Amino acid sequence: MRICFTSDEAKDLESVMSYHFGHCPYFVIVDVTNDGNVTNVESIENPLADEHNAGDLPAFMKSKDVDVIITGGMGPKAQQYFADYGIKPVIGAYGRVKDVLEEFLQKKVTYTPYRNEEAKTIHIEHHANENEEIERVKKEVVALREQIADLKSILKKLEEKLS
């Protein structure tokens, strides 16, 4: 099975998951045998992070022979494109790729796909004088994602000690 994770970093299994599918900077692709052994891990840049048409990224994943895409968020249209290609989307993931992979392989994943068909896309126009503030907030979001991933790993270790 070939599983693709959206990522904010190119650190393979140590990467922090990205919450935005379409514009994530990296993908981490993991090959897993039927008995759950990881045989290959590859971090690649998202070639369509800056600009793409609907369906371009699902087609790209199909060209990479991906069976499952795991991400923080994805709209219903993208989910449908993936389904049309026979790729299972898993939505709502957070933390480090290695932890989410383990949860997925142990069938502990409880992520629910987004299914609100009436959702509207919100477009925000950025003014030139707001760009600096926007970049600062983006950096803070990335730092918070890393902290959340670290806390999730710590929680997992504590749970293992208690069981």
N, C-alpha and C. Protein backbone atom coordinates (compact mmCIF):
# COMPACT_ATOMS: atom_id res chain seq x y z
N MET A 1 0.85 -1.17 0.00
CA MET A 1 0.00 0.00 0.00
C MET A 1 0.89 1.23 0.00
N ARG A 2 0.48 2.24 -0.73
CA ARG A 2 1.22 3.49 -0.81
C ARG A 2 0.36 4.59 -0.20
N ILE A 3 0.90 5.21 0.87
CA ILE A 3 0.16 6.22 1.62
C ILE A 3 0.87 7.55 1.47
N CYS A 4 0.11 8.59 1.16
CA CYS A 4 0.68 9.93 1.05
C CYS A 4 0.14 10.80 2.19
N PHE A 5 1.05 11.52 2.84
CA PHE A 5 0.70 12.45 3.91
C PHE A 5 1.02 13.87 3.45
N THR A 6 0.15 14.82 3.74
CA THR A 6 0.48 16.22 3.48
C THR A 6 1.37 16.68 4.62
N SER A 7 2.34 17.54 4.30
CA SER A 7 3.33 17.89 5.30
C SER A 7 3.80 19.33 5.18
N ASP A 8 4.17 19.89 6.34
CA ASP A 8 4.77 21.22 6.37
C ASP A 8 6.28 21.16 6.21
N GLU A 9 6.85 19.94 6.28
CA GLU A 9 8.30 19.77 6.27
C GLU A 9 8.70 18.60 5.38
N ALA A 10 9.98 18.57 5.03
CA ALA A 10 10.52 17.45 4.25
C ALA A 10 11.42 16.62 5.16
N LYS A 11 10.86 16.14 6.27
CA LYS A 11 11.63 15.37 7.25
C LYS A 11 11.13 13.93 7.34
N ASP A 12 10.63 13.41 6.23
CA ASP A 12 10.14 12.03 6.17
C ASP A 12 9.16 11.75 7.32
N LEU A 13 9.36 10.67 8.07
CA LEU A 13 8.40 10.28 9.12
C LEU A 13 8.37 11.27 10.28
N GLU A 14 9.38 12.09 10.43
CA GLU A 14 9.42 13.10 11.50
C GLU A 14 8.69 14.38 11.11
N SER A 15 8.19 14.46 9.90
CA SER A 15 7.50 15.66 9.41
C SER A 15 6.22 15.92 10.19
N VAL A 16 5.88 17.18 10.31
CA VAL A 16 4.62 17.59 10.91
C VAL A 16 3.57 17.65 9.81
N MET A 17 2.40 17.07 10.08
CA MET A 17 1.31 17.06 9.11
C MET A 17 0.86 18.48 8.78
N SER A 18 0.49 18.69 7.54
CA SER A 18 -0.07 19.96 7.10
C SER A 18 -1.59 19.90 7.22
N TYR A 19 -2.17 21.02 7.60
CA TYR A 19 -3.62 21.07 7.73
C TYR A 19 -4.32 21.44 6.43
N HIS A 20 -3.57 21.81 5.41
CA HIS A 20 -4.19 22.22 4.15
C HIS A 20 -3.68 21.34 3.03
N PHE A 21 -4.55 20.58 2.43
CA PHE A 21 -4.18 19.63 1.40
C PHE A 21 -3.60 20.31 0.15
N GLY A 22 -4.35 21.19 -0.45
CA GLY A 22 -3.99 21.73 -1.76
C GLY A 22 -2.73 22.55 -1.81
N HIS A 23 -2.44 23.25 -0.73
CA HIS A 23 -1.29 24.16 -0.74
C HIS A 23 -0.19 23.75 0.23
N CYS A 24 -0.19 22.48 0.66
CA CYS A 24 0.87 22.03 1.55
C CYS A 24 2.21 22.10 0.79
N PRO A 25 3.30 22.41 1.48
CA PRO A 25 4.57 22.52 0.77
C PRO A 25 5.19 21.17 0.38
N TYR A 26 4.86 20.11 1.11
CA TYR A 26 5.48 18.80 0.85
C TYR A 26 4.46 17.67 0.97
N PHE A 27 4.84 16.55 0.38
CA PHE A 27 4.14 15.29 0.57
C PHE A 27 5.15 14.28 1.09
N VAL A 28 4.72 13.44 2.02
CA VAL A 28 5.55 12.33 2.48
C VAL A 28 4.84 11.07 2.00
N ILE A 29 5.51 10.31 1.15
CA ILE A 29 4.93 9.09 0.58
C ILE A 29 5.59 7.89 1.25
N VAL A 30 4.75 7.02 1.80
CA VAL A 30 5.23 5.87 2.56
C VAL A 30 4.71 4.59 1.92
N ASP A 31 5.61 3.67 1.63
CA ASP A 31 5.23 2.35 1.12
C ASP A 31 5.18 1.39 2.30
N VAL A 32 4.07 0.66 2.41
CA VAL A 32 3.85 -0.26 3.53
C VAL A 32 3.44 -1.62 2.97
N THR A 33 4.04 -2.69 3.51
CA THR A 33 3.67 -4.04 3.10
C THR A 33 2.34 -4.42 3.74
N ASN A 34 1.77 -5.55 3.30
CA ASN A 34 0.49 -6.02 3.85
C ASN A 34 0.56 -6.32 5.34
N ASP A 35 1.75 -6.66 5.83
CA ASP A 35 1.89 -6.94 7.26
C ASP A 35 2.32 -5.71 8.06
N GLY A 36 2.28 -4.52 7.44
CA GLY A 36 2.51 -3.27 8.16
C GLY A 36 3.94 -2.79 8.25
N ASN A 37 4.84 -3.41 7.50
CA ASN A 37 6.23 -2.97 7.53
C ASN A 37 6.45 -1.85 6.52
N VAL A 38 7.14 -0.80 6.95
CA VAL A 38 7.47 0.32 6.07
C VAL A 38 8.67 -0.07 5.23
N THR A 39 8.54 0.01 3.91
CA THR A 39 9.63 -0.38 3.01
C THR A 39 10.31 0.82 2.36
N ASN A 40 9.63 1.97 2.32
CA ASN A 40 10.21 3.15 1.70
C ASN A 40 9.50 4.40 2.20
N VAL A 41 10.26 5.46 2.41
CA VAL A 41 9.71 6.76 2.80
C VAL A 41 10.38 7.81 1.92
N GLU A 42 9.55 8.69 1.38
CA GLU A 42 10.07 9.71 0.47
C GLU A 42 9.34 11.03 0.72
N SER A 43 10.10 12.11 0.94
CA SER A 43 9.53 13.45 1.03
C SER A 43 9.74 14.14 -0.31
N ILE A 44 8.65 14.68 -0.86
CA ILE A 44 8.75 15.38 -2.14
C ILE A 44 8.05 16.74 -2.02
N GLU A 45 8.54 17.70 -2.79
CA GLU A 45 7.88 18.99 -2.83
C GLU A 45 6.55 18.86 -3.56
N ASN A 46 5.59 19.66 -3.13
CA ASN A 46 4.31 19.72 -3.82
C ASN A 46 4.52 20.62 -5.05
N PRO A 47 4.54 20.04 -6.25
CA PRO A 47 4.81 20.84 -7.44
C PRO A 47 3.67 21.79 -7.80
N LEU A 48 2.52 21.61 -7.15
CA LEU A 48 1.35 22.42 -7.46
C LEU A 48 0.90 23.26 -6.26
N ALA A 49 1.80 23.48 -5.30
CA ALA A 49 1.43 24.19 -4.07
C ALA A 49 0.98 25.62 -4.35
N ASP A 50 1.61 26.28 -5.28
CA ASP A 50 1.28 27.68 -5.53
C ASP A 50 0.03 27.87 -6.38
N GLU A 51 -0.15 26.97 -7.33
CA GLU A 51 -1.29 27.13 -8.23
C GLU A 51 -1.63 25.80 -8.89
N HIS A 52 -2.93 25.48 -8.91
CA HIS A 52 -3.39 24.28 -9.59
C HIS A 52 -4.88 24.39 -9.86
N ASN A 53 -5.34 23.59 -10.79
CA ASN A 53 -6.76 23.50 -11.10
C ASN A 53 -7.37 22.35 -10.31
N ALA A 54 -8.66 22.38 -10.14
CA ALA A 54 -9.36 21.29 -9.45
C ALA A 54 -9.03 19.98 -10.16
N GLY A 55 -8.66 18.99 -9.38
CA GLY A 55 -8.36 17.68 -9.94
C GLY A 55 -6.90 17.45 -10.28
N ASP A 56 -6.09 18.51 -10.32
CA ASP A 56 -4.67 18.35 -10.67
C ASP A 56 -3.92 17.52 -9.62
N LEU A 57 -4.12 17.82 -8.34
CA LEU A 57 -3.40 17.08 -7.30
C LEU A 57 -3.86 15.63 -7.19
N PRO A 58 -5.16 15.34 -7.27
CA PRO A 58 -5.54 13.92 -7.30
C PRO A 58 -4.92 13.18 -8.49
N ALA A 59 -4.84 13.82 -9.64
CA ALA A 59 -4.21 13.19 -10.81
C ALA A 59 -2.72 12.98 -10.54
N PHE A 60 -2.07 13.95 -9.88
CA PHE A 60 -0.65 13.80 -9.54
C PHE A 60 -0.45 12.62 -8.59
N MET A 61 -1.34 12.49 -7.60
CA MET A 61 -1.25 11.36 -6.66
C MET A 61 -1.46 10.03 -7.37
N LYS A 62 -2.38 10.01 -8.32
CA LYS A 62 -2.61 8.80 -9.11
C LYS A 62 -1.34 8.43 -9.89
N SER A 63 -0.65 9.44 -10.44
CA SER A 63 0.58 9.17 -11.18
C SER A 63 1.69 8.64 -10.27
N LYS A 64 1.58 8.89 -8.96
CA LYS A 64 2.54 8.39 -7.98
C LYS A 64 2.08 7.06 -7.38
N ASP A 65 0.99 6.49 -7.91
CA ASP A 65 0.43 5.20 -7.46
C ASP A 65 0.01 5.21 -5.99
N VAL A 66 -0.49 6.34 -5.51
CA VAL A 66 -0.94 6.47 -4.13
C VAL A 66 -2.29 5.77 -3.95
N ASP A 67 -2.44 5.03 -2.84
CA ASP A 67 -3.69 4.34 -2.51
C ASP A 67 -4.52 5.11 -1.50
N VAL A 68 -3.84 5.83 -0.59
CA VAL A 68 -4.50 6.56 0.50
C VAL A 68 -3.82 7.92 0.63
N ILE A 69 -4.61 8.98 0.79
CA ILE A 69 -4.08 10.31 1.08
C ILE A 69 -4.58 10.70 2.47
N ILE A 70 -3.65 11.07 3.35
CA ILE A 70 -4.00 11.44 4.72
C ILE A 70 -3.59 12.89 4.93
N THR A 71 -4.54 13.71 5.38
CA THR A 71 -4.31 15.15 5.48
C THR A 71 -5.14 15.77 6.60
N GLY A 72 -4.86 17.03 6.87
CA GLY A 72 -5.62 17.75 7.87
C GLY A 72 -6.97 18.17 7.34
N GLY A 73 -7.01 18.71 6.15
CA GLY A 73 -8.27 19.18 5.59
C GLY A 73 -8.32 19.07 4.09
N MET A 74 -9.55 18.86 3.59
CA MET A 74 -9.77 18.72 2.15
C MET A 74 -11.26 18.90 1.91
N GLY A 75 -11.60 19.67 0.92
CA GLY A 75 -13.00 19.90 0.60
C GLY A 75 -13.65 18.72 -0.09
N PRO A 76 -14.98 18.76 -0.17
CA PRO A 76 -15.72 17.64 -0.76
C PRO A 76 -15.42 17.41 -2.24
N LYS A 77 -15.12 18.45 -2.98
CA LYS A 77 -14.81 18.30 -4.40
C LYS A 77 -13.52 17.50 -4.58
N ALA A 78 -12.48 17.84 -3.81
CA ALA A 78 -11.22 17.11 -3.88
C ALA A 78 -11.41 15.66 -3.45
N GLN A 79 -12.22 15.45 -2.40
CA GLN A 79 -12.49 14.09 -1.95
C GLN A 79 -13.12 13.27 -3.07
N GLN A 80 -14.01 13.89 -3.82
CA GLN A 80 -14.67 13.18 -4.92
C GLN A 80 -13.68 12.84 -6.02
N TYR A 81 -12.78 13.78 -6.34
CA TYR A 81 -11.74 13.49 -7.34
C TYR A 81 -10.91 12.29 -6.91
N PHE A 82 -10.51 12.26 -5.64
CA PHE A 82 -9.72 11.13 -5.15
C PHE A 82 -10.51 9.83 -5.27
N ALA A 83 -11.76 9.86 -4.85
CA ALA A 83 -12.60 8.66 -4.94
C ALA A 83 -12.70 8.19 -6.38
N ASP A 84 -12.82 9.12 -7.32
CA ASP A 84 -12.90 8.77 -8.74
C ASP A 84 -11.64 8.06 -9.22
N TYR A 85 -10.49 8.38 -8.61
CA TYR A 85 -9.22 7.73 -8.95
C TYR A 85 -8.97 6.48 -8.12
N GLY A 86 -9.89 6.14 -7.23
CA GLY A 86 -9.71 4.96 -6.39
C GLY A 86 -8.76 5.19 -5.23
N ILE A 87 -8.54 6.45 -4.87
CA ILE A 87 -7.66 6.81 -3.76
C ILE A 87 -8.53 7.20 -2.56
N LYS A 88 -8.27 6.58 -1.41
CA LYS A 88 -9.08 6.84 -0.22
C LYS A 88 -8.55 8.08 0.51
N PRO A 89 -9.38 9.13 0.64
CA PRO A 89 -8.95 10.29 1.42
C PRO A 89 -9.28 10.09 2.90
N VAL A 90 -8.32 10.42 3.77
CA VAL A 90 -8.53 10.39 5.21
C VAL A 90 -8.28 11.81 5.70
N ILE A 91 -9.30 12.39 6.32
CA ILE A 91 -9.29 13.81 6.65
C ILE A 91 -9.27 14.01 8.17
N GLY A 92 -8.60 15.07 8.61
CA GLY A 92 -8.62 15.45 10.01
C GLY A 92 -7.38 15.02 10.77
N ALA A 93 -6.34 14.59 10.08
CA ALA A 93 -5.13 14.12 10.74
C ALA A 93 -4.30 15.29 11.25
N TYR A 94 -3.60 15.05 12.35
CA TYR A 94 -2.67 16.04 12.87
C TYR A 94 -1.57 15.33 13.64
N GLY A 95 -0.45 16.01 13.79
CA GLY A 95 0.68 15.43 14.50
C GLY A 95 1.82 15.13 13.55
N ARG A 96 2.72 14.26 13.97
CA ARG A 96 3.85 13.84 13.14
C ARG A 96 3.41 12.68 12.25
N VAL A 97 3.98 12.61 11.07
CA VAL A 97 3.62 11.56 10.12
C VAL A 97 3.78 10.19 10.75
N LYS A 98 4.87 9.94 11.47
CA LYS A 98 5.10 8.61 12.06
C LYS A 98 3.98 8.20 13.00
N ASP A 99 3.45 9.15 13.79
CA ASP A 99 2.38 8.83 14.73
C ASP A 99 1.06 8.57 14.02
N VAL A 100 0.76 9.38 13.02
CA VAL A 100 -0.48 9.20 12.26
C VAL A 100 -0.41 7.89 11.46
N LEU A 101 0.75 7.57 10.90
CA LEU A 101 0.92 6.31 10.18
C LEU A 101 0.64 5.13 11.11
N GLU A 102 1.21 5.16 12.30
CA GLU A 102 1.00 4.08 13.26
C GLU A 102 -0.49 3.94 13.62
N GLU A 103 -1.15 5.06 13.85
CA GLU A 103 -2.59 5.03 14.15
C GLU A 103 -3.37 4.43 12.99
N PHE A 104 -3.02 4.83 11.78
CA PHE A 104 -3.71 4.33 10.60
C PHE A 104 -3.51 2.83 10.45
N LEU A 105 -2.28 2.37 10.60
CA LEU A 105 -1.99 0.95 10.44
C LEU A 105 -2.63 0.10 11.54
N GLN A 106 -2.80 0.67 12.73
CA GLN A 106 -3.44 -0.04 13.83
C GLN A 106 -4.96 0.14 13.82
N LYS A 107 -5.45 0.78 12.76
CA LYS A 107 -6.88 1.02 12.59
C LYS A 107 -7.47 1.81 13.76
N LYS A 108 -6.67 2.71 14.31
CA LYS A 108 -7.12 3.58 15.39
C LYS A 108 -7.53 4.95 14.86
N VAL A 109 -7.48 5.11 13.57
CA VAL A 109 -7.81 6.40 12.97
C VAL A 109 -9.31 6.63 13.08
N THR A 110 -9.66 7.78 13.60
CA THR A 110 -11.08 8.12 13.75
C THR A 110 -11.42 9.40 13.01
N TYR A 111 -10.61 9.73 12.02
CA TYR A 111 -10.83 10.95 11.28
C TYR A 111 -12.07 10.83 10.40
N THR A 112 -12.84 11.91 10.35
CA THR A 112 -14.08 11.90 9.59
C THR A 112 -13.97 12.84 8.40
N PRO A 113 -14.30 12.37 7.21
CA PRO A 113 -14.27 13.25 6.05
C PRO A 113 -15.27 14.39 6.17
N TYR A 114 -14.92 15.51 5.61
CA TYR A 114 -15.77 16.69 5.56
C TYR A 114 -16.83 16.45 4.50
N ARG A 115 -18.10 16.59 4.85
CA ARG A 115 -19.15 16.27 3.88
C ARG A 115 -20.20 17.37 3.74
N ASN A 116 -19.88 18.60 4.09
CA ASN A 116 -20.85 19.68 3.98
C ASN A 116 -20.89 20.18 2.54
N GLU A 117 -21.84 19.70 1.77
CA GLU A 117 -21.93 20.04 0.35
C GLU A 117 -22.25 21.52 0.12
N GLU A 118 -22.83 22.19 1.13
CA GLU A 118 -23.23 23.57 0.95
C GLU A 118 -22.16 24.56 1.39
N ALA A 119 -21.01 24.06 1.78
CA ALA A 119 -19.95 24.96 2.24
C ALA A 119 -19.52 25.87 1.11
N LYS A 120 -19.21 27.10 1.45
CA LYS A 120 -18.78 28.06 0.45
C LYS A 120 -17.31 28.38 0.67
N THR A 121 -16.60 28.54 -0.41
CA THR A 121 -15.20 28.92 -0.32
C THR A 121 -15.12 30.40 0.01
N ILE A 122 -14.29 30.74 0.96
CA ILE A 122 -14.12 32.13 1.35
C ILE A 122 -12.82 32.64 0.74
N HIS A 123 -12.91 33.68 -0.02
CA HIS A 123 -11.73 34.29 -0.61
C HIS A 123 -11.41 35.57 0.15
N ILE A 124 -10.19 35.68 0.63
CA ILE A 124 -9.77 36.86 1.37
C ILE A 124 -8.80 37.64 0.50
N GLU A 125 -9.12 38.90 0.27
CA GLU A 125 -8.20 39.73 -0.50
C GLU A 125 -7.19 40.32 0.46
N HIS A 126 -5.92 40.10 0.17
CA HIS A 126 -4.85 40.61 1.01
C HIS A 126 -4.35 41.94 0.44
N HIS A 127 -4.26 42.92 1.27
CA HIS A 127 -3.72 44.21 0.86
C HIS A 127 -2.22 44.22 1.13
N ALA A 128 -1.50 45.00 0.36
CA ALA A 128 -0.04 45.02 0.45
C ALA A 128 0.44 45.28 1.87
N ASN A 129 -0.21 46.18 2.61
CA ASN A 129 0.24 46.50 3.95
C ASN A 129 -0.07 45.40 4.96
N GLU A 130 -0.83 44.40 4.58
CA GLU A 130 -1.15 43.29 5.46
C GLU A 130 -0.23 42.10 5.25
N ASN A 131 0.57 42.11 4.21
CA ASN A 131 1.41 40.95 3.88
C ASN A 131 2.36 40.57 4.99
N GLU A 132 2.97 41.55 5.64
CA GLU A 132 3.90 41.26 6.72
C GLU A 132 3.20 40.54 7.88
N GLU A 133 2.02 41.01 8.23
CA GLU A 133 1.25 40.38 9.31
C GLU A 133 0.81 38.98 8.91
N ILE A 134 0.43 38.80 7.70
CA ILE A 134 0.01 37.48 7.20
C ILE A 134 1.17 36.50 7.30
N GLU A 135 2.35 36.89 6.87
CA GLU A 135 3.52 36.01 6.92
C GLU A 135 3.88 35.66 8.36
N ARG A 136 3.75 36.63 9.28
CA ARG A 136 4.04 36.38 10.68
C ARG A 136 3.08 35.34 11.24
N VAL A 137 1.80 35.48 10.93
CA VAL A 137 0.79 34.54 11.42
C VAL A 137 1.01 33.16 10.83
N LYS A 138 1.37 33.07 9.57
CA LYS A 138 1.66 31.78 8.94
C LYS A 138 2.80 31.06 9.66
N LYS A 139 3.85 31.80 10.00
CA LYS A 139 4.98 31.21 10.71
C LYS A 139 4.56 30.72 12.10
N GLU A 140 3.69 31.49 12.76
CA GLU A 140 3.20 31.07 14.08
C GLU A 140 2.37 29.79 13.97
N VAL A 141 1.57 29.68 12.92
CA VAL A 141 0.75 28.49 12.72
C VAL A 141 1.64 27.26 12.55
N VAL A 142 2.69 27.38 11.76
CA VAL A 142 3.61 26.26 11.55
C VAL A 142 4.26 25.86 12.87
N ALA A 143 4.67 26.85 13.67
CA ALA A 143 5.29 26.55 14.97
C ALA A 143 4.29 25.86 15.90
N LEU A 144 3.05 26.31 15.89
CA LEU A 144 2.02 25.67 16.72
C LEU A 144 1.75 24.24 16.29
N ARG A 145 1.74 23.98 14.99
CA ARG A 145 1.54 22.62 14.50
C ARG A 145 2.65 21.70 15.01
N GLU A 146 3.88 22.21 15.01
CA GLU A 146 5.00 21.40 15.49
C GLU A 146 4.85 21.13 16.99
N GLN A 147 4.41 22.13 17.74
CA GLN A 147 4.21 21.93 19.18
C GLN A 147 3.10 20.91 19.44
N ILE A 148 2.03 20.98 18.66
CA ILE A 148 0.93 20.01 18.80
C ILE A 148 1.43 18.61 18.48
N ALA A 149 2.24 18.48 17.43
CA ALA A 149 2.79 17.17 17.06
C ALA A 149 3.66 16.62 18.19
N ASP A 150 4.49 17.48 18.79
CA ASP A 150 5.33 17.05 19.91
C ASP A 150 4.48 16.61 21.10
N LEU A 151 3.44 17.37 21.40
CA LEU A 151 2.56 17.01 22.52
C LEU A 151 1.84 15.69 22.27
N LYS A 152 1.45 15.46 21.03
CA LYS A 152 0.79 14.20 20.69
C LYS A 152 1.74 13.03 20.91
N SER A 153 3.01 13.19 20.53
CA SER A 153 4.01 12.13 20.74
C SER A 153 4.22 11.87 22.23
N ILE A 154 4.28 12.93 23.03
CA ILE A 154 4.45 12.79 24.48
C ILE A 154 3.25 12.07 25.08
N LEU A 155 2.05 12.46 24.67
CA LEU A 155 0.83 11.81 25.16
C LEU A 155 0.82 10.34 24.83
N LYS A 156 1.25 9.99 23.62
CA LYS A 156 1.31 8.58 23.20
C LYS A 156 2.25 7.79 24.11
N LYS A 157 3.41 8.36 24.41
CA LYS A 157 4.38 7.68 25.27
C LYS A 157 3.82 7.50 26.68
N LEU A 158 3.13 8.51 27.18
CA LEU A 158 2.53 8.40 28.52
C LEU A 158 1.44 7.32 28.54
N GLU A 159 0.63 7.27 27.50
CA GLU A 159 -0.42 6.25 27.42
C GLU A 159 0.19 4.85 27.38
N GLU A 160 1.30 4.69 26.67
CA GLU A 160 1.98 3.38 26.59
C GLU A 160 2.51 2.97 27.96
N LYS A 161 3.02 3.92 28.72
CA LYS A 161 3.53 3.61 30.06
C LYS A 161 2.41 3.19 30.99
N LEU A 162 1.23 3.78 30.83
CA LEU A 162 0.10 3.47 31.69
C LEU A 162 -0.58 2.17 31.35
N SER A 163 -0.39 1.68 30.12
CA SER A 163 -1.07 0.43 29.74
C SER A 163 -0.24 -0.80 29.93
